[in-house]
């Protein structure tokens, strides 16, 4: 599985991102994905920020820094499970 395939699978593991049809894009960077992240709800925002944290754990795009405590306060069980699944076998892009 390519890195881009893994990123798309991670996006799809979050129900709200999957239902919005968010795509990683063809380029090997996050710009396509970030462009789709405008106007997300709080839970969607946290899921997108988590995806971007996996992509680049050193620098979050402006306005999309992942905050675990805030995410846990708004996510449902399916979103929590998406992160748990990644944590069972973590990988970094």
Protein backbone atom coordinates (compact mmCIF):
# COMPACT_ATOMS: atom_id res chain seq x y z
CA UNK A 1 0.00 0.00 0.00
CA UNK A 2 1.41 3.39 -0.94
CA UNK A 3 1.65 6.29 1.50
CA UNK A 4 -1.15 8.06 -0.33
CA UNK A 5 -3.33 4.95 -0.10
CA UNK A 6 -2.60 4.76 3.63
CA UNK A 7 -3.52 8.43 4.06
CA UNK A 8 -6.81 7.87 2.24
CA UNK A 9 -7.55 4.81 4.36
CA UNK A 10 -6.91 6.89 7.49
CA UNK A 11 -9.26 9.61 6.24
CA UNK A 12 -11.91 7.00 5.46
CA UNK A 13 -11.62 5.51 8.96
CA UNK A 14 -13.30 8.66 10.32
CA UNK A 15 -17.02 8.47 9.48
CA UNK A 16 -17.52 12.22 9.12
CA UNK A 17 -14.54 12.69 6.80
CA UNK A 18 -15.64 9.70 4.72
CA UNK A 19 -19.20 11.02 4.45
CA UNK A 20 -17.89 14.42 3.31
CA UNK A 21 -15.95 12.67 0.55
CA UNK A 22 -12.62 14.16 1.61
CA UNK A 23 -9.74 12.89 -0.51
CA UNK A 24 -6.01 12.97 0.07
CA UNK A 25 -5.27 14.01 -3.49
CA UNK A 26 -2.75 13.08 -6.12
CA UNK A 27 0.19 15.15 -4.93
CA UNK A 28 2.50 13.83 -2.27
CA UNK A 29 1.69 16.70 0.07
CA UNK A 30 -1.22 17.84 2.18
CA UNK A 31 -2.35 20.88 0.19
CA UNK A 32 -5.28 19.20 -1.60
CA UNK A 33 -6.59 17.79 1.67
CA UNK A 34 -6.17 21.07 3.56
CA UNK A 35 -8.10 22.92 0.85
CA UNK A 36 -11.08 20.62 1.52
CA UNK A 37 -11.01 21.30 5.28
CA UNK A 38 -12.71 24.69 5.22
CA UNK A 39 -16.03 24.85 7.02
CA UNK A 40 -15.75 21.57 8.92
CA UNK A 41 -17.69 20.95 12.11
CA UNK A 42 -15.78 20.62 15.37
CA UNK A 43 -15.58 16.82 15.23
CA UNK A 44 -14.61 16.86 11.55
CA UNK A 45 -11.98 19.50 12.26
CA UNK A 46 -10.38 17.31 14.94
CA UNK A 47 -10.41 14.28 12.66
CA UNK A 48 -8.77 16.23 9.84
CA UNK A 49 -6.19 17.62 12.27
CA UNK A 50 -5.39 14.07 13.41
CA UNK A 51 -4.86 12.97 9.79
CA UNK A 52 -2.53 15.92 9.24
CA UNK A 53 -0.65 15.08 12.46
CA UNK A 54 0.05 11.62 11.07
CA UNK A 55 1.21 13.21 7.81
CA UNK A 56 3.58 15.64 9.53
CA UNK A 57 3.95 15.25 13.27
CA UNK A 58 6.35 18.19 13.50
CA UNK A 59 4.32 21.02 12.00
CA UNK A 60 0.55 21.43 11.83
CA UNK A 61 -0.99 23.68 9.22
CA UNK A 62 -2.29 26.92 10.64
CA UNK A 63 -5.63 26.34 12.30
CA UNK A 64 -5.44 22.54 12.10
CA UNK A 65 -3.34 21.60 15.13
CA UNK A 66 -4.56 18.37 16.71
CA UNK A 67 -5.63 18.57 20.35
CA UNK A 68 -6.35 15.13 21.80
CA UNK A 69 -8.37 16.32 24.82
CA UNK A 70 -10.59 18.60 22.73
CA UNK A 71 -11.15 15.84 20.17
CA UNK A 72 -12.15 13.31 22.80
CA UNK A 73 -14.69 15.78 24.18
CA UNK A 74 -16.63 15.90 20.91
CA UNK A 75 -15.98 12.59 19.12
CA UNK A 76 -18.36 9.67 19.13
CA UNK A 77 -17.22 6.08 19.62
CA UNK A 78 -16.56 5.52 15.89
CA UNK A 79 -14.11 8.41 15.77
CA UNK A 80 -12.38 7.23 18.93
CA UNK A 81 -12.11 3.76 17.40
CA UNK A 82 -10.47 5.22 14.26
CA UNK A 83 -7.68 6.62 16.44
CA UNK A 84 -7.46 3.44 18.52
CA UNK A 85 -7.06 1.42 15.35
CA UNK A 86 -4.20 3.66 14.23
CA UNK A 87 -2.63 3.47 17.71
CA UNK A 88 -2.62 -0.33 17.61
CA UNK A 89 -0.33 -0.18 14.58
CA UNK A 90 0.96 3.40 14.30
CA UNK A 91 2.71 4.62 11.21
CA UNK A 92 3.90 8.00 10.01
CA UNK A 93 3.83 9.30 6.47
